[in-house]
Amino acid sequence: MPDTTPDDILARAQAPALNGRPVRKDEIELLDRGVYVESWLPERRSRRKPLLFIHGELGGSWTWERFLGYFAGRGWEGHALNLRNHHWSQTADPAELSFETFVGDVQAAMAHLGPGVVLVGHGMGGLIAMKAAESRPQAGLVLLAPELPGDIRAHVPSHVIREVPELYGRAVLGWETLPERLQRDYPDLTLADVLRIQHLMGQKPHESGRARRTMLRGVRVDPAALAGSPRLVVGAGLDRTVPIETTERLARWLDAQYEPFAAHSHYGLIMGERSFGQVADTVRAFLEAHRL
């Protein structure tokens, strides 16, 4: 991309299309938990259900900006949670945080938004969403390349779990490398997408090893507790983090609608400038079909 600096690329990447409709931004602060929620709202309120977006490892509300713009421009309230010590939420010692901490963050946001909320989770955020939904009423569940519950997760050897450090960063997720190599690994991401993800993953560079170890050991989820609301699982054919065959297995286990995207990657599903739109269209069709 000639005559373009990395700053130019980052600035352009942070301007999602809004379908030409008025959108206003707001925020929710859950002060007792130190949690910040970024909200994108349609200018005119509608009867559509609010969407609560839950990010994965080393993420934040920034991972959902394209989805927030897409859905707010079409009449949905979008609320992107920042888990404790992520992006704009309160700084905390990651070593003291746990998977249960993050589930509590989501449940607090659900309580604030009310029982009509639709949970939308990505990666570890999808597993957190499932666990939070067990004990809190919600209107629907959308899982994008989610980590699997322990009930159907492949066994992880004990020595692998023990090797997870108390704190970890981009290297564990494969993002501590050259942008050009990442673009080869994630062909549905533009260079602008890659630079932006790398930059923002490094904003609060340490993730909770305790939470990752809990996930690897296996988090039990009761599928019967999720059966009362519509469920959608989305898989990505180029996903090296959550292989597409595992998402199909999860959809069968949850008796959920399943939508695979063969040419999408783990991050391309939600953050790809060229690729996110197909996924957003599918989620929108699911919401409309169930009048959410």
C-alpha atoms as a PDB file:
ATOM      1  CA  MET A   1       0.000   0.000   0.000  1.00  0.00           C
ATOM      2  CA  PRO A   2       2.173   2.894  -1.269  1.00  0.00           C
ATOM      3  CA  ASP A   3       2.485   6.230   0.535  1.00  0.00           C
ATOM      4  CA  THR A   4       0.547   4.903   3.513  1.00  0.00           C
ATOM      5  CA  THR A   5       1.967   4.885   7.034  1.00  0.00           C
ATOM      6  CA  PRO A   6       0.967   2.379   9.742  1.00  0.00           C
ATOM      7  CA  ASP A   7      -0.868   5.207  11.539  1.00  0.00           C
ATOM      8  CA  ASP A   8      -2.903   5.877   8.391  1.00  0.00           C
ATOM      9  CA  ILE A   9      -3.801   2.192   8.142  1.00  0.00           C
ATOM     10  CA  LEU A  10      -4.843   2.016  11.786  1.00  0.00           C
ATOM     11  CA  ALA A  11      -6.991   5.143  11.461  1.00  0.00           C
ATOM     12  CA  ARG A  12      -8.747   3.795   8.361  1.00  0.00           C
ATOM     13  CA  ALA A  13      -9.322   0.404   9.976  1.00  0.00           C
ATOM     14  CA  GLN A  14     -11.151   2.001  12.910  1.00  0.00           C
ATOM     15  CA  ALA A  15     -13.897   3.502  10.752  1.00  0.00           C
ATOM     16  CA  PRO A  16     -16.526   0.741  10.235  1.00  0.00           C
ATOM     17  CA  ALA A  17     -19.305   1.277   7.727  1.00  0.00           C
ATOM     18  CA  LEU A  18     -22.591   2.252   9.359  1.00  0.00           C
ATOM     19  CA  ASN A  19     -24.935   1.642   6.409  1.00  0.00           C
ATOM     20  CA  GLY A  20     -25.617   5.392   6.216  1.00  0.00           C
ATOM     21  CA  ARG A  21     -27.941   5.457   9.231  1.00  0.00           C
ATOM     22  CA  PRO A  22     -27.528   7.633  12.339  1.00  0.00           C
ATOM     23  CA  VAL A  23     -25.719   5.981  15.220  1.00  0.00           C
ATOM     24  CA  ARG A  24     -24.865   7.410  18.607  1.00  0.00           C
ATOM     25  CA  LYS A  25     -22.343   6.123  21.124  1.00  0.00           C
ATOM     26  CA  ASP A  26     -22.768   5.735  24.859  1.00  0.00           C
ATOM     27  CA  GLU A  27     -21.176   3.859  27.730  1.00  0.00           C
ATOM     28  CA  ILE A  28     -22.094   1.793  30.754  1.00  0.00           C
ATOM     29  CA  GLU A  29     -19.832   1.604  33.794  1.00  0.00           C
ATOM     30  CA  LEU A  30     -20.328  -1.230  36.259  1.00  0.00           C
ATOM     31  CA  LEU A  31     -18.416   0.488  39.008  1.00  0.00           C
ATOM     32  CA  ASP A  32     -18.642  -2.295  41.569  1.00  0.00           C
ATOM     33  CA  ARG A  33     -16.757  -4.589  39.159  1.00  0.00           C
ATOM     34  CA  GLY A  34     -14.543  -2.021  37.448  1.00  0.00           C
ATOM     35  CA  VAL A  35     -16.054  -2.966  34.090  1.00  0.00           C
ATOM     36  CA  TYR A  36     -16.673  -0.642  31.129  1.00  0.00           C
ATOM     37  CA  VAL A  37     -19.193  -1.381  28.371  1.00  0.00           C
ATOM     38  CA  GLU A  38     -18.983   0.433  25.035  1.00  0.00           C
ATOM     39  CA  SER A  39     -22.450   0.979  23.521  1.00  0.00           C
ATOM     40  CA  TRP A  40     -23.399   1.810  19.922  1.00  0.00           C
ATOM     41  CA  LEU A  41     -27.078   2.692  19.627  1.00  0.00           C
ATOM     42  CA  PRO A  42     -29.466   3.443  16.774  1.00  0.00           C
ATOM     43  CA  GLU A  43     -30.622   7.053  16.768  1.00  0.00           C
ATOM     44  CA  ARG A  44     -34.202   5.808  17.081  1.00  0.00           C
ATOM     45  CA  ARG A  45     -34.993   3.070  19.577  1.00  0.00           C
ATOM     46  CA  SER A  46     -36.627  -0.074  18.244  1.00  0.00           C
ATOM     47  CA  ARG A  47     -38.164  -3.230  19.663  1.00  0.00           C
ATOM     48  CA  ARG A  48     -35.169  -5.321  18.716  1.00  0.00           C
ATOM     49  CA  LYS A  49     -33.363  -7.134  21.523  1.00  0.00           C
ATOM     50  CA  PRO A  50     -30.128  -5.575  22.809  1.00  0.00           C
ATOM     51  CA  LEU A  51     -26.939  -7.430  21.878  1.00  0.00           C
ATOM     52  CA  LEU A  52     -24.169  -8.027  24.436  1.00  0.00           C
ATOM     53  CA  PHE A  53     -20.828  -8.753  22.746  1.00  0.00           C
ATOM     54  CA  ILE A  54     -18.195 -10.729  24.696  1.00  0.00           C
ATOM     55  CA  HIS A  55     -14.595 -10.776  23.490  1.00  0.00           C
ATOM     56  CA  GLY A  56     -11.968 -13.489  23.826  1.00  0.00           C
ATOM     57  CA  GLU A  57      -8.379 -13.608  25.025  1.00  0.00           C
ATOM     58  CA  LEU A  58      -6.428 -10.321  24.953  1.00  0.00           C
ATOM     59  CA  GLY A  59      -9.478  -8.695  23.363  1.00  0.00           C
ATOM     60  CA  GLY A  60     -11.789  -5.826  24.228  1.00  0.00           C
ATOM     61  CA  SER A  61     -14.734  -3.894  22.875  1.00  0.00           C
ATOM     62  CA  TRP A  62     -12.468  -2.924  19.960  1.00  0.00           C
ATOM     63  CA  THR A  63     -12.827  -6.431  18.523  1.00  0.00           C
ATOM     64  CA  TRP A  64     -16.516  -5.730  17.895  1.00  0.00           C
ATOM     65  CA  GLU A  65     -16.402  -2.277  16.277  1.00  0.00           C
ATOM     66  CA  ARG A  66     -17.453  -3.505  12.836  1.00  0.00           C
ATOM     67  CA  PHE A  67     -20.310  -5.532  14.335  1.00  0.00           C
ATOM     68  CA  LEU A  68     -21.358  -2.622  16.547  1.00  0.00           C
ATOM     69  CA  GLY A  69     -21.550  -0.301  13.559  1.00  0.00           C
ATOM     70  CA  TYR A  70     -23.340  -2.868  11.403  1.00  0.00           C
ATOM     71  CA  PHE A  71     -26.078  -3.663  13.912  1.00  0.00           C
ATOM     72  CA  ALA A  72     -26.595  -0.158  15.308  1.00  0.00           C
ATOM     73  CA  GLY A  73     -27.030   1.041  11.748  1.00  0.00           C
ATOM     74  CA  ARG A  74     -29.818  -1.519  11.339  1.00  0.00           C
ATOM     75  CA  GLY A  75     -31.748  -0.902  14.528  1.00  0.00           C
ATOM     76  CA  TRP A  76     -30.052  -3.014  17.219  1.00  0.00           C
ATOM     77  CA  GLU A  77     -28.479  -1.734  20.417  1.00  0.00           C
ATOM     78  CA  GLY A  78     -24.957  -3.139  20.667  1.00  0.00           C
ATOM     79  CA  HIS A  79     -23.111  -3.296  23.987  1.00  0.00           C
ATOM     80  CA  ALA A  80     -19.493  -4.509  23.861  1.00  0.00           C
ATOM     81  CA  LEU A  81     -18.228  -5.580  27.263  1.00  0.00           C
ATOM     82  CA  ASN A  82     -14.615  -5.114  28.324  1.00  0.00           C
ATOM     83  CA  LEU A  83     -13.823  -7.860  30.801  1.00  0.00           C
ATOM     84  CA  ARG A  84     -11.853  -6.863  33.888  1.00  0.00           C
ATOM     85  CA  ASN A  85      -8.363  -5.553  32.995  1.00  0.00           C
ATOM     86  CA  HIS A  86      -9.193  -5.395  29.276  1.00  0.00           C
ATOM     87  CA  HIS A  87      -9.137  -2.249  27.093  1.00  0.00           C
ATOM     88  CA  TRP A  88     -11.101   0.490  28.926  1.00  0.00           C
ATOM     89  CA  SER A  89     -12.091  -1.533  31.990  1.00  0.00           C
ATOM     90  CA  GLN A  90     -10.327  -0.976  35.290  1.00  0.00           C
ATOM     91  CA  THR A  91      -6.716  -2.113  35.466  1.00  0.00           C
ATOM     92  CA  ALA A  92      -6.245  -5.132  37.712  1.00  0.00           C
ATOM     93  CA  ASP A  93      -3.582  -7.755  38.338  1.00  0.00           C
ATOM     94  CA  PRO A  94      -4.245 -10.459  35.693  1.00  0.00           C
ATOM     95  CA  ALA A  95      -2.746 -13.076  38.004  1.00  0.00           C
ATOM     96  CA  GLU A  96      -5.637 -12.490  40.411  1.00  0.00           C
ATOM     97  CA  LEU A  97      -8.331 -12.834  37.747  1.00  0.00           C
ATOM     98  CA  SER A  98     -10.000 -16.107  36.801  1.00  0.00           C
ATOM     99  CA  PHE A  99     -12.498 -17.610  34.398  1.00  0.00           C
ATOM    100  CA  GLU A 100     -15.123 -17.239  37.129  1.00  0.00           C
ATOM    101  CA  THR A 101     -14.261 -13.524  37.429  1.00  0.00           C
ATOM    102  CA  PHE A 102     -15.014 -13.068  33.747  1.00  0.00           C
ATOM    103  CA  VAL A 103     -18.285 -15.010  33.978  1.00  0.00           C
ATOM    104  CA  GLY A 104     -19.295 -12.687  36.821  1.00  0.00           C
ATOM    105  CA  ASP A 105     -18.471  -9.650  34.658  1.00  0.00           C
ATOM    106  CA  VAL A 106     -20.804 -10.915  31.948  1.00  0.00           C
ATOM    107  CA  GLN A 107     -23.573 -11.759  34.396  1.00  0.00           C
ATOM    108  CA  ALA A 108     -23.348  -8.251  35.872  1.00  0.00           C
ATOM    109  CA  ALA A 109     -23.771  -6.755  32.398  1.00  0.00           C
ATOM    110  CA  MET A 110     -26.702  -9.098  31.725  1.00  0.00           C
ATOM    111  CA  ALA A 111     -28.366  -7.991  34.952  1.00  0.00           C
ATOM    112  CA  HIS A 112     -27.938  -4.354  33.910  1.00  0.00           C
ATOM    113  CA  LEU A 113     -29.369  -4.873  30.407  1.00  0.00           C
ATOM    114  CA  GLY A 114     -32.246  -7.143  31.459  1.00  0.00           C
ATOM    115  CA  PRO A 115     -33.474 -10.640  30.544  1.00  0.00           C
ATOM    116  CA  GLY A 116     -34.138  -9.751  26.884  1.00  0.00           C
ATOM    117  CA  VAL A 117     -30.450  -9.543  25.953  1.00  0.00           C
ATOM    118  CA  VAL A 118     -28.838 -11.668  23.212  1.00  0.00           C
ATOM    119  CA  LEU A 119     -25.317 -12.871  24.058  1.00  0.00           C
ATOM    120  CA  VAL A 120     -22.749 -12.838  21.240  1.00  0.00           C
ATOM    121  CA  GLY A 121     -19.398 -14.420  22.152  1.00  0.00           C
ATOM    122  CA  HIS A 122     -16.141 -15.075  20.277  1.00  0.00           C
ATOM    123  CA  GLY A 123     -13.405 -17.548  21.211  1.00  0.00           C
ATOM    124  CA  MET A 124     -13.055 -17.791  24.976  1.00  0.00           C
ATOM    125  CA  GLY A 125     -15.830 -15.176  25.112  1.00  0.00           C
ATOM    126  CA  GLY A 126     -18.175 -17.763  23.607  1.00  0.00           C
ATOM    127  CA  LEU A 127     -17.435 -20.219  26.409  1.00  0.00           C
ATOM    128  CA  ILE A 128     -17.848 -17.433  28.985  1.00  0.00           C
ATOM    129  CA  ALA A 129     -21.213 -16.593  27.369  1.00  0.00           C
ATOM    130  CA  MET A 130     -22.397 -20.194  27.643  1.00  0.00           C
ATOM    131  CA  LYS A 131     -21.440 -20.403  31.293  1.00  0.00           C
ATOM    132  CA  ALA A 132     -23.010 -17.026  32.116  1.00  0.00           C
ATOM    133  CA  ALA A 133     -26.229 -18.036  30.334  1.00  0.00           C
ATOM    134  CA  GLU A 134     -26.665 -21.129  32.515  1.00  0.00           C
ATOM    135  CA  SER A 135     -27.947 -19.074  35.438  1.00  0.00           C
ATOM    136  CA  ARG A 136     -29.146 -15.824  33.820  1.00  0.00           C
ATOM    137  CA  PRO A 137     -32.157 -15.497  31.496  1.00  0.00           C
ATOM    138  CA  GLN A 138     -31.364 -14.326  27.964  1.00  0.00           C
ATOM    139  CA  ALA A 139     -33.209 -14.057  24.665  1.00  0.00           C
ATOM    140  CA  GLY A 140     -30.642 -15.782  22.465  1.00  0.00           C
ATOM    141  CA  LEU A 141     -27.090 -17.063  22.139  1.00  0.00           C
ATOM    142  CA  VAL A 142     -24.714 -16.490  19.198  1.00  0.00           C
ATOM    143  CA  LEU A 143     -21.341 -18.276  19.395  1.00  0.00           C
ATOM    144  CA  LEU A 144     -18.639 -17.344  16.898  1.00  0.00           C
ATOM    145  CA  ALA A 145     -15.740 -19.838  16.820  1.00  0.00           C
ATOM    146  CA  PRO A 146     -16.244 -20.459  20.560  1.00  0.00           C
ATOM    147  CA  GLU A 147     -13.962 -22.479  22.778  1.00  0.00           C
ATOM    148  CA  LEU A 148     -15.631 -25.775  23.667  1.00  0.00           C
ATOM    149  CA  PRO A 149     -17.097 -26.774  27.030  1.00  0.00           C
ATOM    150  CA  GLY A 150     -15.247 -29.473  28.925  1.00  0.00           C
ATOM    151  CA  ASP A 151     -18.117 -31.893  28.258  1.00  0.00           C
ATOM    152  CA  ILE A 152     -17.060 -32.226  24.588  1.00  0.00           C
ATOM    153  CA  ARG A 153     -13.547 -30.772  24.627  1.00  0.00           C
ATOM    154  CA  ALA A 154     -10.607 -33.016  23.706  1.00  0.00           C
ATOM    155  CA  HIS A 155      -8.441 -33.970  26.660  1.00  0.00           C
ATOM    156  CA  VAL A 156      -5.496 -31.651  27.245  1.00  0.00           C
ATOM    157  CA  PRO A 157      -2.463 -33.306  28.911  1.00  0.00           C
ATOM    158  CA  SER A 158      -1.708 -32.111  32.428  1.00  0.00           C
ATOM    159  CA  HIS A 159       1.823 -30.997  31.545  1.00  0.00           C
ATOM    160  CA  VAL A 160       0.440 -28.681  28.829  1.00  0.00           C
ATOM    161  CA  ILE A 161      -1.895 -27.062  31.363  1.00  0.00           C
ATOM    162  CA  ARG A 162       0.926 -26.697  33.909  1.00  0.00           C
ATOM    163  CA  GLU A 163       3.073 -24.926  31.304  1.00  0.00           C
ATOM    164  CA  VAL A 164       0.588 -22.052  30.946  1.00  0.00           C
ATOM    165  CA  PRO A 165       2.249 -19.111  32.756  1.00  0.00           C
ATOM    166  CA  GLU A 166       0.481 -16.948  35.321  1.00  0.00           C
ATOM    167  CA  LEU A 167       0.510 -14.150  32.721  1.00  0.00           C
ATOM    168  CA  TYR A 168       0.744 -14.519  28.963  1.00  0.00           C
ATOM    169  CA  GLY A 169       0.604 -12.257  25.943  1.00  0.00           C
ATOM    170  CA  ARG A 170       0.381 -12.158  22.163  1.00  0.00           C
ATOM    171  CA  ALA A 171       3.053 -14.809  21.633  1.00  0.00           C
ATOM    172  CA  VAL A 172       0.843 -17.578  23.089  1.00  0.00           C
ATOM    173  CA  LEU A 173      -1.859 -16.641  20.566  1.00  0.00           C
ATOM    174  CA  GLY A 174       0.636 -16.492  17.694  1.00  0.00           C
ATOM    175  CA  TRP A 175       0.468 -12.715  17.275  1.00  0.00           C
ATOM    176  CA  GLU A 176       4.024 -11.781  18.301  1.00  0.00           C
ATOM    177  CA  THR A 177       5.411 -11.949  14.769  1.00  0.00           C
ATOM    178  CA  LEU A 178       5.704  -9.965  11.542  1.00  0.00           C
ATOM    179  CA  PRO A 179       2.446  -8.496  10.144  1.00  0.00           C
ATOM    180  CA  GLU A 180       3.219  -9.947   6.719  1.00  0.00           C
ATOM    181  CA  ARG A 181       3.402 -13.444   8.172  1.00  0.00           C
ATOM    182  CA  LEU A 182       0.138 -12.933  10.037  1.00  0.00           C
ATOM    183  CA  GLN A 183      -1.541 -11.829   6.836  1.00  0.00           C
ATOM    184  CA  ARG A 184      -0.438 -15.088   5.217  1.00  0.00           C
ATOM    185  CA  ASP A 185      -1.839 -17.028   8.198  1.00  0.00           C
ATOM    186  CA  TYR A 186      -5.071 -14.985   8.147  1.00  0.00           C
ATOM    187  CA  PRO A 187      -5.742 -14.418   4.425  1.00  0.00           C
ATOM    188  CA  ASP A 188      -9.181 -12.898   5.051  1.00  0.00           C
ATOM    189  CA  LEU A 189      -7.601 -10.030   7.021  1.00  0.00           C
ATOM    190  CA  THR A 190      -6.160  -6.955   5.317  1.00  0.00           C
ATOM    191  CA  LEU A 191      -2.840  -5.500   6.420  1.00  0.00           C
ATOM    192  CA  ALA A 192      -4.866  -2.758   8.129  1.00  0.00           C
ATOM    193  CA  ASP A 193      -6.792  -5.412  10.082  1.00  0.00           C
ATOM    194  CA  VAL A 194      -3.590  -7.182  11.145  1.00  0.00           C
ATOM    195  CA  LEU A 195      -1.858  -4.000  12.295  1.00  0.00           C
ATOM    196  CA  ARG A 196      -4.881  -2.924  14.273  1.00  0.00           C
ATOM    197  CA  ILE A 197      -5.270  -6.274  16.048  1.00  0.00           C
ATOM    198  CA  GLN A 198      -1.565  -6.413  16.905  1.00  0.00           C
ATOM    199  CA  HIS A 199      -1.619  -2.849  18.197  1.00  0.00           C
ATOM    200  CA  LEU A 200      -4.676  -3.282  20.405  1.00  0.00           C
ATOM    201  CA  MET A 201      -3.677  -6.717  21.721  1.00  0.00           C
ATOM    202  CA  GLY A 202      -0.606  -4.986  23.104  1.00  0.00           C
ATOM    203  CA  GLN A 203      -2.574  -2.262  24.884  1.00  0.00           C
ATOM    204  CA  LYS A 204      -2.993  -4.357  28.050  1.00  0.00           C
ATOM    205  CA  PRO A 205      -0.507  -7.052  27.130  1.00  0.00           C
ATOM    206  CA  HIS A 206      -1.112  -9.680  29.814  1.00  0.00           C
ATOM    207  CA  GLU A 207      -3.936 -12.193  30.039  1.00  0.00           C
ATOM    208  CA  SER A 208      -4.932 -14.396  32.988  1.00  0.00           C
ATOM    209  CA  GLY A 209      -3.127 -17.732  32.903  1.00  0.00           C
ATOM    210  CA  ARG A 210      -5.533 -19.022  35.543  1.00  0.00           C
ATOM    211  CA  ALA A 211      -8.490 -18.437  33.206  1.00  0.00           C
ATOM    212  CA  ARG A 212      -6.733 -20.201  30.325  1.00  0.00           C
ATOM    213  CA  ARG A 213      -5.828 -23.200  32.506  1.00  0.00           C
ATOM    214  CA  THR A 214      -9.463 -23.473  33.628  1.00  0.00           C
ATOM    215  CA  MET A 215     -10.588 -23.446  29.999  1.00  0.00           C
ATOM    216  CA  LEU A 216      -8.040 -26.122  29.020  1.00  0.00           C
ATOM    217  CA  ARG A 217      -9.000 -28.360  31.950  1.00  0.00           C
ATOM    218  CA  GLY A 218     -12.618 -28.122  30.812  1.00  0.00           C
ATOM    219  CA  VAL A 219     -15.518 -25.918  31.892  1.00  0.00           C
ATOM    220  CA  ARG A 220     -18.722 -27.907  32.378  1.00  0.00           C
ATOM    221  CA  VAL A 221     -21.831 -26.431  30.741  1.00  0.00           C
ATOM    222  CA  ASP A 222     -25.378 -27.755  31.088  1.00  0.00           C
ATOM    223  CA  PRO A 223     -26.919 -27.733  27.582  1.00  0.00           C
ATOM    224  CA  ALA A 224     -30.402 -28.150  29.050  1.00  0.00           C
ATOM    225  CA  ALA A 225     -30.012 -24.769  30.764  1.00  0.00           C
ATOM    226  CA  LEU A 226     -29.463 -23.151  27.351  1.00  0.00           C
ATOM    227  CA  ALA A 227     -32.277 -24.924  25.539  1.00  0.00           C
ATOM    228  CA  GLY A 228     -34.931 -22.307  26.219  1.00  0.00           C
ATOM    229  CA  SER A 229     -33.655 -19.704  23.750  1.00  0.00           C
ATOM    230  CA  PRO A 230     -32.531 -19.723  20.083  1.00  0.00           C
ATOM    231  CA  ARG A 231     -28.894 -20.696  19.538  1.00  0.00           C
ATOM    232  CA  LEU A 232     -26.507 -20.122  16.634  1.00  0.00           C
ATOM    233  CA  VAL A 233     -22.969 -21.504  16.278  1.00  0.00           C
ATOM    234  CA  VAL A 234     -20.625 -20.180  13.571  1.00  0.00           C
ATOM    235  CA  GLY A 235     -17.428 -21.925  12.475  1.00  0.00           C
ATOM    236  CA  ALA A 236     -14.466 -20.809  10.379  1.00  0.00           C
ATOM    237  CA  GLY A 237     -12.708 -23.104   7.914  1.00  0.00           C
ATOM    238  CA  LEU A 238      -9.322 -21.367   8.271  1.00  0.00           C
ATOM    239  CA  ASP A 239      -9.476 -21.245  12.072  1.00  0.00           C
ATOM    240  CA  ARG A 240      -6.280 -22.506  13.719  1.00  0.00           C
ATOM    241  CA  THR A 241      -7.576 -21.715  17.211  1.00  0.00           C
ATOM    242  CA  VAL A 242     -11.003 -23.378  17.151  1.00  0.00           C
ATOM    243  CA  PRO A 243     -11.095 -25.869  14.239  1.00  0.00           C
ATOM    244  CA  ILE A 244     -14.300 -25.861  12.221  1.00  0.00           C
ATOM    245  CA  GLU A 245     -15.096 -29.507  12.989  1.00  0.00           C
ATOM    246  CA  THR A 246     -15.233 -28.694  16.704  1.00  0.00           C
ATOM    247  CA  THR A 247     -17.786 -25.934  16.176  1.00  0.00           C
ATOM    248  CA  GLU A 248     -19.972 -28.337  14.233  1.00  0.00           C
ATOM    249  CA  ARG A 249     -19.742 -30.796  17.140  1.00  0.00           C
ATOM    250  CA  LEU A 250     -20.745 -28.034  19.546  1.00  0.00           C
ATOM    251  CA  ALA A 251     -23.765 -27.103  17.411  1.00  0.00           C
ATOM    252  CA  ARG A 252     -24.981 -30.714  17.491  1.00  0.00           C
ATOM    253  CA  TRP A 253     -24.413 -30.914  21.254  1.00  0.00           C
ATOM    254  CA  LEU A 254     -26.392 -27.691  21.818  1.00  0.00           C
ATOM    255  CA  ASP A 255     -29.003 -28.576  19.183  1.00  0.00           C
ATOM    256  CA  ALA A 256     -28.196 -25.182  17.661  1.00  0.00           C
ATOM    257  CA  GLN A 257     -28.329 -23.744  14.171  1.00  0.00           C
ATOM    258  CA  TYR A 258     -24.929 -24.119  12.527  1.00  0.00           C
ATOM    259  CA  GLU A 259     -23.339 -21.873   9.910  1.00  0.00           C
ATOM    260  CA  PRO A 260     -19.810 -22.624   8.609  1.00  0.00           C
ATOM    261  CA  PHE A 261     -17.642 -20.148   6.687  1.00  0.00           C
ATOM    262  CA  ALA A 262     -14.964 -22.133   4.861  1.00  0.00           C
ATOM    263  CA  ALA A 263     -12.835 -19.151   3.802  1.00  0.00           C
ATOM    264  CA  HIS A 264     -12.830 -17.316   7.140  1.00  0.00           C
ATOM    265  CA  SER A 265     -10.275 -17.307   9.955  1.00  0.00           C
ATOM    266  CA  HIS A 266     -10.720 -17.007  13.720  1.00  0.00           C
ATOM    267  CA  TYR A 267     -10.364 -13.220  13.718  1.00  0.00           C
ATOM    268  CA  GLY A 268     -11.631 -12.695  10.183  1.00  0.00           C
ATOM    269  CA  LEU A 269     -15.103 -13.783  11.338  1.00  0.00           C
ATOM    270  CA  ILE A 270     -15.587 -10.569  13.294  1.00  0.00           C
ATOM    271  CA  MET A 271     -12.785  -8.148  12.398  1.00  0.00           C
ATOM    272  CA  GLY A 272     -12.003  -8.678   8.731  1.00  0.00           C
ATOM    273  CA  GLU A 273     -12.737  -5.582   6.666  1.00  0.00           C
ATOM    274  CA  ARG A 274     -13.700  -7.796   3.725  1.00  0.00           C
ATOM    275  CA  SER A 275     -14.970 -10.859   5.591  1.00  0.00           C
ATOM    276  CA  PHE A 276     -16.999  -9.748   8.613  1.00  0.00           C
ATOM    277  CA  GLY A 277     -20.006  -8.654   6.536  1.00  0.00           C
ATOM    278  CA  GLN A 278     -21.001 -12.180   5.497  1.00  0.00           C
ATOM    279  CA  VAL A 279     -20.970 -13.300   9.116  1.00  0.00           C
ATOM    280  CA  ALA A 280     -22.897 -10.222  10.281  1.00  0.00           C
ATOM    281  CA  ASP A 281     -25.504 -10.857   7.571  1.00  0.00           C
ATOM    282  CA  THR A 282     -25.917 -14.431   8.830  1.00  0.00           C
ATOM    283  CA  VAL A 283     -26.264 -13.332  12.449  1.00  0.00           C
ATOM    284  CA  ARG A 284     -28.783 -10.702  11.370  1.00  0.00           C
ATOM    285  CA  ALA A 285     -30.839 -13.315   9.487  1.00  0.00           C
ATOM    286  CA  PHE A 286     -30.830 -15.520  12.608  1.00  0.00           C
ATOM    287  CA  LEU A 287     -31.993 -12.621  14.788  1.00  0.00           C
ATOM    288  CA  GLU A 288     -34.748 -11.671  12.363  1.00  0.00           C
ATOM    289  CA  ALA A 289     -35.920 -15.269  11.968  1.00  0.00           C
ATOM    290  CA  HIS A 290     -36.420 -15.496  15.736  1.00  0.00           C
ATOM    291  CA  ARG A 291     -37.769 -11.941  16.049  1.00  0.00           C
ATOM    292  CA  LEU A 292     -34.919 -10.890  18.299  1.00  0.00           C
END
